[in-house]
Amino acid sequence: MHRLTSPLCESPSEQPAAFAAIRPHFQPIVASRSHALFAVEALLRLPAMTTSCEPLVRQWEASGEVVKIDILMVRRVAAALRRSTFGLPLRVGVNVSALTVALIPDQYLRELEHLTKVASGVIVEVTETYPIHDIGALLYFARKCSALGVRIALDDCKPQHVFSSPWLVSWVRPDIIKIDGALLCQCFEQQSVEPVAEIIRLARSIGAAVVAEHIESKVMGDWACNLGAGFMQGYYFGTPQPLQG
């Protein structure tokens, strides 16, 4: 476990210069059958990187700086929603590292509470890249989210990862389980149903919604829908973009 001398986030003027370029881009999550917009997920992007920043996130988790990034992202998502000319308030998803959940849950929850004031609903996705060292911390965070009216999701679930463990899912009882996009693509290409069906059965056992990630075509979307994924996300429905504002 990291020992940070000061886990509290600096003010914007005190943040490292590298953080200044971070901006949220938003990707739609839609209902599988109607394709009606359910939510948008805020994804961290940098000017030189138009795709996943996962390698950087892993570096930030190793250094402990991810706690600052997670706080900064929530603040920037809230600011983007305030500036947006999209129209009605959006339901928005934000990502949080398990390290942030373990080290500064209450500070992060205060930021989420501010976000709930400008969004029609908030989903917080606990990412899979940092190990769960303390299940009690995750349970505490999940219960506090529920008290705020914030939905909790487990991101990038796949077999052999702890997020697909029946014991963890039954304790945390997430509102949403997201199927790992790489797994989904591989299973679709190979027409291998069982790995995806296993995650869907697990979600149904606790009444959680299922989001299929990395949907790239109508055929792929229909396949995931027929397996039981109630929601979808991927380039077929839209690439991550800044909110209009």
C-alpha atoms as a PDB file:
ATOM      1  CA  MET A   1       0.000   0.000   0.000  1.00  0.00           C
ATOM      2  CA  HIS A   2       1.277   3.443  -0.860  1.00  0.00           C
ATOM      3  CA  ARG A   3       2.024   5.854   1.952  1.00  0.00           C
ATOM      4  CA  LEU A   4       1.359   9.320   0.626  1.00  0.00           C
ATOM      5  CA  THR A   5       2.542  12.214   2.723  1.00  0.00           C
ATOM      6  CA  SER A   6      -0.391  14.321   1.571  1.00  0.00           C
ATOM      7  CA  PRO A   7      -3.178  12.590  -0.333  1.00  0.00           C
ATOM      8  CA  LEU A   8      -5.216  15.784  -0.556  1.00  0.00           C
ATOM      9  CA  CYS A   9      -5.410  17.375  -3.969  1.00  0.00           C
ATOM     10  CA  GLU A  10      -3.693  20.659  -4.589  1.00  0.00           C
ATOM     11  CA  SER A  11      -5.547  23.663  -5.888  1.00  0.00           C
ATOM     12  CA  PRO A  12      -5.441  24.070  -9.697  1.00  0.00           C
ATOM     13  CA  SER A  13      -2.549  26.528  -9.414  1.00  0.00           C
ATOM     14  CA  GLU A  14      -0.506  23.956  -7.455  1.00  0.00           C
ATOM     15  CA  GLN A  15      -1.085  20.982  -9.730  1.00  0.00           C
ATOM     16  CA  PRO A  16       1.838  19.618 -11.788  1.00  0.00           C
ATOM     17  CA  ALA A  17       2.002  21.203 -15.231  1.00  0.00           C
ATOM     18  CA  ALA A  18       1.447  17.814 -16.897  1.00  0.00           C
ATOM     19  CA  PHE A  19      -2.027  17.648 -15.342  1.00  0.00           C
ATOM     20  CA  ALA A  20      -3.128  20.909 -16.969  1.00  0.00           C
ATOM     21  CA  ALA A  21      -3.665  19.228 -20.353  1.00  0.00           C
ATOM     22  CA  ILE A  22      -6.016  16.549 -19.018  1.00  0.00           C
ATOM     23  CA  ARG A  23      -9.534  16.855 -20.386  1.00  0.00           C
ATOM     24  CA  PRO A  24     -12.575  14.594 -20.195  1.00  0.00           C
ATOM     25  CA  HIS A  25     -13.955  13.202 -23.431  1.00  0.00           C
ATOM     26  CA  PHE A  26     -17.422  11.658 -23.324  1.00  0.00           C
ATOM     27  CA  GLN A  27     -18.627   8.435 -24.929  1.00  0.00           C
ATOM     28  CA  PRO A  28     -22.278   7.359 -25.061  1.00  0.00           C
ATOM     29  CA  ILE A  29     -23.671   4.296 -23.303  1.00  0.00           C
ATOM     30  CA  VAL A  30     -26.935   3.211 -24.910  1.00  0.00           C
ATOM     31  CA  ALA A  31     -29.779   0.787 -24.274  1.00  0.00           C
ATOM     32  CA  SER A  32     -29.131  -2.390 -26.255  1.00  0.00           C
ATOM     33  CA  ARG A  33     -32.472  -2.699 -28.052  1.00  0.00           C
ATOM     34  CA  SER A  34     -33.597   0.883 -28.543  1.00  0.00           C
ATOM     35  CA  HIS A  35     -30.139   2.517 -28.675  1.00  0.00           C
ATOM     36  CA  ALA A  36     -31.582   5.301 -26.509  1.00  0.00           C
ATOM     37  CA  LEU A  37     -28.931   7.247 -24.649  1.00  0.00           C
ATOM     38  CA  PHE A  38     -28.515   5.949 -21.095  1.00  0.00           C
ATOM     39  CA  ALA A  39     -25.392   7.824 -19.967  1.00  0.00           C
ATOM     40  CA  VAL A  40     -22.078   9.218 -21.118  1.00  0.00           C
ATOM     41  CA  GLU A  41     -18.775   8.005 -19.706  1.00  0.00           C
ATOM     42  CA  ALA A  42     -16.087  10.610 -19.051  1.00  0.00           C
ATOM     43  CA  LEU A  43     -12.759   9.276 -20.314  1.00  0.00           C
ATOM     44  CA  LEU A  44      -9.412  10.868 -19.536  1.00  0.00           C
ATOM     45  CA  ARG A  45      -7.681  12.209 -22.608  1.00  0.00           C
ATOM     46  CA  LEU A  46      -4.503  14.174 -23.338  1.00  0.00           C
ATOM     47  CA  PRO A  47      -3.874  16.220 -26.516  1.00  0.00           C
ATOM     48  CA  ALA A  48      -1.330  13.710 -27.862  1.00  0.00           C
ATOM     49  CA  MET A  49      -3.439  10.665 -26.973  1.00  0.00           C
ATOM     50  CA  THR A  50      -6.815  10.084 -28.591  1.00  0.00           C
ATOM     51  CA  THR A  51      -7.209   6.545 -27.254  1.00  0.00           C
ATOM     52  CA  SER A  52      -6.890   4.892 -23.863  1.00  0.00           C
ATOM     53  CA  CYS A  53      -4.478   6.404 -21.347  1.00  0.00           C
ATOM     54  CA  GLU A  54      -4.248   3.124 -19.417  1.00  0.00           C
ATOM     55  CA  PRO A  55      -0.407   2.950 -19.461  1.00  0.00           C
ATOM     56  CA  LEU A  56      -0.264   6.413 -17.888  1.00  0.00           C
ATOM     57  CA  VAL A  57      -2.944   5.479 -15.360  1.00  0.00           C
ATOM     58  CA  ARG A  58      -0.877   2.479 -14.278  1.00  0.00           C
ATOM     59  CA  GLN A  59       2.127   4.774 -13.819  1.00  0.00           C
ATOM     60  CA  TRP A  60       0.033   7.190 -11.746  1.00  0.00           C
ATOM     61  CA  GLU A  61      -1.223   4.286  -9.624  1.00  0.00           C
ATOM     62  CA  ALA A  62       2.358   3.113  -9.048  1.00  0.00           C
ATOM     63  CA  SER A  63       3.418   6.608  -7.938  1.00  0.00           C
ATOM     64  CA  GLY A  64       0.225   7.355  -5.973  1.00  0.00           C
ATOM     65  CA  GLU A  65      -0.547  10.407  -8.133  1.00  0.00           C
ATOM     66  CA  VAL A  66      -3.730   8.761  -9.392  1.00  0.00           C
ATOM     67  CA  VAL A  67      -5.599  10.102  -6.361  1.00  0.00           C
ATOM     68  CA  LYS A  68      -4.976  13.632  -7.651  1.00  0.00           C
ATOM     69  CA  ILE A  69      -5.941  12.672 -11.186  1.00  0.00           C
ATOM     70  CA  ASP A  70      -9.227  11.127 -10.023  1.00  0.00           C
ATOM     71  CA  ILE A  71     -10.189  14.235  -8.067  1.00  0.00           C
ATOM     72  CA  LEU A  72      -9.172  16.495 -10.955  1.00  0.00           C
ATOM     73  CA  MET A  73     -11.242  14.509 -13.437  1.00  0.00           C
ATOM     74  CA  VAL A  74     -14.425  14.776 -11.351  1.00  0.00           C
ATOM     75  CA  ARG A  75     -13.944  18.528 -11.099  1.00  0.00           C
ATOM     76  CA  ARG A  76     -13.352  18.873 -14.832  1.00  0.00           C
ATOM     77  CA  VAL A  77     -16.341  16.704 -15.675  1.00  0.00           C
ATOM     78  CA  ALA A  78     -18.516  18.927 -13.489  1.00  0.00           C
ATOM     79  CA  ALA A  79     -17.102  22.023 -15.185  1.00  0.00           C
ATOM     80  CA  ALA A  80     -17.746  20.536 -18.638  1.00  0.00           C
ATOM     81  CA  LEU A  81     -21.352  19.782 -17.718  1.00  0.00           C
ATOM     82  CA  ARG A  82     -21.868  23.336 -16.471  1.00  0.00           C
ATOM     83  CA  ARG A  83     -20.537  24.757 -19.764  1.00  0.00           C
ATOM     84  CA  SER A  84     -22.326  22.292 -22.018  1.00  0.00           C
ATOM     85  CA  THR A  85     -24.980  23.361 -24.483  1.00  0.00           C
ATOM     86  CA  PHE A  86     -26.024  19.727 -25.006  1.00  0.00           C
ATOM     87  CA  GLY A  87     -29.427  20.338 -23.475  1.00  0.00           C
ATOM     88  CA  LEU A  88     -30.947  18.302 -20.685  1.00  0.00           C
ATOM     89  CA  PRO A  89     -28.676  17.296 -17.795  1.00  0.00           C
ATOM     90  CA  LEU A  90     -26.785  14.109 -18.571  1.00  0.00           C
ATOM     91  CA  ARG A  91     -26.266  10.960 -16.554  1.00  0.00           C
ATOM     92  CA  VAL A  92     -22.484  10.715 -16.410  1.00  0.00           C
ATOM     93  CA  GLY A  93     -19.987   8.014 -15.521  1.00  0.00           C
ATOM     94  CA  VAL A  94     -16.555   8.710 -14.026  1.00  0.00           C
ATOM     95  CA  ASN A  95     -13.677   6.332 -13.365  1.00  0.00           C
ATOM     96  CA  VAL A  96     -11.926   5.893 -10.035  1.00  0.00           C
ATOM     97  CA  SER A  97      -8.893   3.820  -9.127  1.00  0.00           C
ATOM     98  CA  ALA A  98      -9.169   1.277  -6.326  1.00  0.00           C
ATOM     99  CA  LEU A  99      -6.164   3.081  -4.813  1.00  0.00           C
ATOM    100  CA  THR A 100      -8.180   6.296  -4.532  1.00  0.00           C
ATOM    101  CA  VAL A 101     -11.049   4.327  -2.989  1.00  0.00           C
ATOM    102  CA  ALA A 102      -8.648   2.913  -0.396  1.00  0.00           C
ATOM    103  CA  LEU A 103      -6.737   6.116   0.431  1.00  0.00           C
ATOM    104  CA  ILE A 104      -9.121   9.086   0.182  1.00  0.00           C
ATOM    105  CA  PRO A 105     -12.685   7.761  -0.072  1.00  0.00           C
ATOM    106  CA  ASP A 106     -14.332  10.601   1.839  1.00  0.00           C
ATOM    107  CA  GLN A 107     -12.602  13.365  -0.111  1.00  0.00           C
ATOM    108  CA  TYR A 108     -13.507  11.690  -3.391  1.00  0.00           C
ATOM    109  CA  LEU A 109     -17.095  11.213  -2.239  1.00  0.00           C
ATOM    110  CA  ARG A 110     -17.351  14.939  -1.523  1.00  0.00           C
ATOM    111  CA  GLU A 111     -16.339  15.616  -5.127  1.00  0.00           C
ATOM    112  CA  LEU A 112     -18.967  13.134  -6.338  1.00  0.00           C
ATOM    113  CA  GLU A 113     -21.579  14.931  -4.257  1.00  0.00           C
ATOM    114  CA  HIS A 114     -20.744  18.178  -6.084  1.00  0.00           C
ATOM    115  CA  LEU A 115     -21.041  16.338  -9.399  1.00  0.00           C
ATOM    116  CA  THR A 116     -24.524  15.090  -8.519  1.00  0.00           C
ATOM    117  CA  LYS A 117     -25.673  18.736  -8.460  1.00  0.00           C
ATOM    118  CA  VAL A 118     -24.997  19.232 -12.191  1.00  0.00           C
ATOM    119  CA  ALA A 119     -25.767  15.759 -13.600  1.00  0.00           C
ATOM    120  CA  SER A 120     -29.070  13.914 -13.847  1.00  0.00           C
ATOM    121  CA  GLY A 121     -27.301  10.904 -12.350  1.00  0.00           C
ATOM    122  CA  VAL A 122     -23.769   9.757 -11.545  1.00  0.00           C
ATOM    123  CA  ILE A 123     -22.124   6.380 -12.098  1.00  0.00           C
ATOM    124  CA  VAL A 124     -18.701   5.773 -10.576  1.00  0.00           C
ATOM    125  CA  GLU A 125     -16.728   3.002 -12.248  1.00  0.00           C
ATOM    126  CA  VAL A 126     -14.070   1.330 -10.108  1.00  0.00           C
ATOM    127  CA  THR A 127     -11.311   0.443 -12.547  1.00  0.00           C
ATOM    128  CA  GLU A 128      -9.577  -2.920 -12.696  1.00  0.00           C
ATOM    129  CA  THR A 129      -5.946  -1.798 -12.964  1.00  0.00           C
ATOM    130  CA  TYR A 130      -5.072  -1.597  -9.250  1.00  0.00           C
ATOM    131  CA  PRO A 131      -5.390  -4.632  -6.935  1.00  0.00           C
ATOM    132  CA  ILE A 132      -8.100  -4.739  -4.271  1.00  0.00           C
ATOM    133  CA  HIS A 133      -6.014  -4.976  -1.106  1.00  0.00           C
ATOM    134  CA  ASP A 134      -8.814  -4.058   1.288  1.00  0.00           C
ATOM    135  CA  ILE A 135     -12.300  -5.317   0.533  1.00  0.00           C
ATOM    136  CA  GLY A 136     -13.582  -3.366   3.540  1.00  0.00           C
ATOM    137  CA  ALA A 137     -12.545  -0.087   1.901  1.00  0.00           C
ATOM    138  CA  LEU A 138     -14.407  -1.007  -1.268  1.00  0.00           C
ATOM    139  CA  LEU A 139     -17.513  -1.982   0.720  1.00  0.00           C
ATOM    140  CA  TYR A 140     -17.383   1.305   2.630  1.00  0.00           C
ATOM    141  CA  PHE A 141     -17.108   3.246  -0.623  1.00  0.00           C
ATOM    142  CA  ALA A 142     -19.967   1.336  -2.259  1.00  0.00           C
ATOM    143  CA  ARG A 143     -22.287   1.971   0.683  1.00  0.00           C
ATOM    144  CA  LYS A 144     -21.446   5.663   0.787  1.00  0.00           C
ATOM    145  CA  CYS A 145     -22.102   5.914  -2.966  1.00  0.00           C
ATOM    146  CA  SER A 146     -25.491   4.305  -2.453  1.00  0.00           C
ATOM    147  CA  ALA A 147     -26.306   6.833   0.266  1.00  0.00           C
ATOM    148  CA  LEU A 148     -25.478   9.655  -2.190  1.00  0.00           C
ATOM    149  CA  GLY A 149     -27.670   8.144  -4.896  1.00  0.00           C
ATOM    150  CA  VAL A 150     -24.573   7.361  -6.973  1.00  0.00           C
ATOM    151  CA  ARG A 151     -24.524   4.076  -8.892  1.00  0.00           C
ATOM    152  CA  ILE A 152     -21.385   1.967  -8.606  1.00  0.00           C
ATOM    153  CA  ALA A 153     -19.977  -0.068 -11.472  1.00  0.00           C
ATOM    154  CA  LEU A 154     -17.153  -2.591 -11.745  1.00  0.00           C
ATOM    155  CA  ASP A 155     -15.195  -1.859 -14.896  1.00  0.00           C
ATOM    156  CA  ASP A 156     -13.652  -4.284 -17.421  1.00  0.00           C
ATOM    157  CA  CYS A 157     -14.880  -7.503 -15.843  1.00  0.00           C
ATOM    158  CA  LYS A 158     -13.428 -10.712 -17.242  1.00  0.00           C
ATOM    159  CA  PRO A 159     -12.828 -14.266 -15.994  1.00  0.00           C
ATOM    160  CA  GLN A 160      -9.888 -14.663 -13.588  1.00  0.00           C
ATOM    161  CA  HIS A 161     -10.129 -11.019 -12.472  1.00  0.00           C
ATOM    162  CA  VAL A 162     -11.350 -10.392  -8.939  1.00  0.00           C
ATOM    163  CA  PHE A 163     -14.213  -8.240 -10.283  1.00  0.00           C
ATOM    164  CA  SER A 164     -15.703 -11.437 -11.697  1.00  0.00           C
ATOM    165  CA  SER A 165     -15.459 -13.282  -8.386  1.00  0.00           C
ATOM    166  CA  PRO A 166     -18.896 -14.259  -7.021  1.00  0.00           C
ATOM    167  CA  TRP A 167     -17.777 -13.537  -3.450  1.00  0.00           C
ATOM    168  CA  LEU A 168     -16.694  -9.954  -4.251  1.00  0.00           C
ATOM    169  CA  VAL A 169     -19.745  -9.221  -6.394  1.00  0.00           C
ATOM    170  CA  SER A 170     -22.111 -10.598  -3.743  1.00  0.00           C
ATOM    171  CA  TRP A 171     -20.519  -8.388  -1.066  1.00  0.00           C
ATOM    172  CA  VAL A 172     -20.146  -5.169  -3.057  1.00  0.00           C
ATOM    173  CA  ARG A 173     -23.404  -5.621  -4.998  1.00  0.00           C
ATOM    174  CA  PRO A 174     -22.563  -3.167  -7.801  1.00  0.00           C
ATOM    175  CA  ASP A 175     -25.388  -1.585  -9.752  1.00  0.00           C
ATOM    176  CA  ILE A 176     -23.571  -2.169 -13.037  1.00  0.00           C
ATOM    177  CA  ILE A 177     -21.060  -4.708 -14.334  1.00  0.00           C
ATOM    178  CA  LYS A 178     -19.127  -3.789 -17.479  1.00  0.00           C
ATOM    179  CA  ILE A 179     -17.806  -6.591 -19.677  1.00  0.00           C
ATOM    180  CA  ASP A 180     -14.178  -6.071 -20.682  1.00  0.00           C
ATOM    181  CA  GLY A 181     -14.078  -4.868 -24.285  1.00  0.00           C
ATOM    182  CA  ALA A 182     -11.054  -6.911 -25.341  1.00  0.00           C
ATOM    183  CA  LEU A 183     -12.703 -10.052 -23.978  1.00  0.00           C
ATOM    184  CA  LEU A 184     -15.945  -9.236 -25.788  1.00  0.00           C
ATOM    185  CA  CYS A 185     -14.161  -8.677 -29.115  1.00  0.00           C
ATOM    186  CA  GLN A 186     -12.223 -11.924 -28.796  1.00  0.00           C
ATOM    187  CA  CYS A 187     -15.336 -13.911 -27.914  1.00  0.00           C
ATOM    188  CA  PHE A 188     -17.269 -12.374 -30.801  1.00  0.00           C
ATOM    189  CA  GLU A 189     -14.526 -13.170 -33.299  1.00  0.00           C
ATOM    190  CA  GLN A 190     -14.292 -16.761 -32.058  1.00  0.00           C
ATOM    191  CA  GLN A 191     -18.043 -17.085 -31.447  1.00  0.00           C
ATOM    192  CA  SER A 192     -17.195 -18.201 -27.917  1.00  0.00           C
ATOM    193  CA  VAL A 193     -20.250 -17.497 -25.773  1.00  0.00           C
ATOM    194  CA  GLU A 194     -19.426 -18.903 -22.354  1.00  0.00           C
ATOM    195  CA  PRO A 195     -16.935 -16.306 -20.984  1.00  0.00           C
ATOM    196  CA  VAL A 196     -19.414 -13.493 -21.688  1.00  0.00           C
ATOM    197  CA  ALA A 197     -22.423 -15.518 -20.551  1.00  0.00           C
ATOM    198  CA  GLU A 198     -20.637 -16.285 -17.270  1.00  0.00           C
ATOM    199  CA  ILE A 199     -20.316 -12.573 -16.453  1.00  0.00           C
ATOM    200  CA  ILE A 200     -23.918 -11.899 -17.447  1.00  0.00           C
ATOM    201  CA  ARG A 201     -25.146 -14.716 -15.180  1.00  0.00           C
ATOM    202  CA  LEU A 202     -23.105 -13.255 -12.327  1.00  0.00           C
ATOM    203  CA  ALA A 203     -24.635  -9.809 -12.862  1.00  0.00           C
ATOM    204  CA  ARG A 204     -28.141 -11.242 -12.984  1.00  0.00           C
ATOM    205  CA  SER A 205     -27.552 -13.088  -9.711  1.00  0.00           C
ATOM    206  CA  ILE A 206     -27.491  -9.725  -7.896  1.00  0.00           C
ATOM    207  CA  GLY A 207     -29.786  -7.774 -10.223  1.00  0.00           C
ATOM    208  CA  ALA A 208     -26.972  -5.676 -11.739  1.00  0.00           C
ATOM    209  CA  ALA A 209     -27.198  -4.129 -15.201  1.00  0.00           C
ATOM    210  CA  VAL A 210     -24.667  -5.247 -17.824  1.00  0.00           C
ATOM    211  CA  VAL A 211     -22.763  -2.958 -20.210  1.00  0.00           C
ATOM    212  CA  ALA A 212     -20.988  -4.561 -23.172  1.00  0.00           C
ATOM    213  CA  GLU A 213     -17.952  -2.466 -24.139  1.00  0.00           C
ATOM    214  CA  HIS A 214     -16.097  -2.042 -27.462  1.00  0.00           C
ATOM    215  CA  ILE A 215     -19.117  -2.623 -29.678  1.00  0.00           C
ATOM    216  CA  GLU A 216     -17.859  -2.014 -33.218  1.00  0.00           C
ATOM    217  CA  SER A 217     -20.761  -3.036 -35.474  1.00  0.00           C
ATOM    218  CA  LYS A 218     -24.484  -3.751 -35.551  1.00  0.00           C
ATOM    219  CA  VAL A 219     -23.822  -7.473 -35.836  1.00  0.00           C
ATOM    220  CA  MET A 220     -21.600  -7.408 -32.770  1.00  0.00           C
ATOM    221  CA  GLY A 221     -24.176  -5.367 -30.874  1.00  0.00           C
ATOM    222  CA  ASP A 222     -26.970  -7.761 -31.768  1.00  0.00           C
ATOM    223  CA  TRP A 223     -24.807 -10.678 -30.633  1.00  0.00           C
ATOM    224  CA  ALA A 224     -24.117  -9.072 -27.223  1.00  0.00           C
ATOM    225  CA  CYS A 225     -27.760  -8.057 -26.844  1.00  0.00           C
ATOM    226  CA  ASN A 226     -28.951 -11.605 -27.533  1.00  0.00           C
ATOM    227  CA  LEU A 227     -26.599 -12.879 -24.827  1.00  0.00           C
ATOM    228  CA  GLY A 228     -28.274 -10.559 -22.326  1.00  0.00           C
ATOM    229  CA  ALA A 229     -26.278  -7.309 -22.228  1.00  0.00           C
ATOM    230  CA  GLY A 230     -28.808  -4.580 -21.487  1.00  0.00           C
ATOM    231  CA  PHE A 231     -26.529  -1.669 -22.410  1.00  0.00           C
ATOM    232  CA  MET A 232     -23.717  -1.071 -24.887  1.00  0.00           C
ATOM    233  CA  GLN A 233     -20.781   1.210 -25.468  1.00  0.00           C
ATOM    234  CA  GLY A 234     -18.297   1.462 -28.315  1.00  0.00           C
ATOM    235  CA  TYR A 235     -17.252   3.252 -31.482  1.00  0.00           C
ATOM    236  CA  TYR A 236     -20.352   1.988 -33.292  1.00  0.00           C
ATOM    237  CA  PHE A 237     -22.386   4.367 -31.084  1.00  0.00           C
ATOM    238  CA  GLY A 238     -19.870   7.187 -30.897  1.00  0.00           C
ATOM    239  CA  THR A 239     -16.232   8.002 -30.289  1.00  0.00           C
ATOM    240  CA  PRO A 240     -15.193   9.897 -27.143  1.00  0.00           C
ATOM    241  CA  GLN A 241     -15.587  13.623 -27.749  1.00  0.00           C
ATOM    242  CA  PRO A 242     -15.538  16.832 -25.689  1.00  0.00           C
ATOM    243  CA  LEU A 243     -18.988  18.068 -24.758  1.00  0.00           C
ATOM    244  CA  GLN A 244     -20.245  20.879 -26.935  1.00  0.00           C
ATOM    245  CA  GLY A 245     -20.046  24.091 -25.015  1.00  0.00           C
END
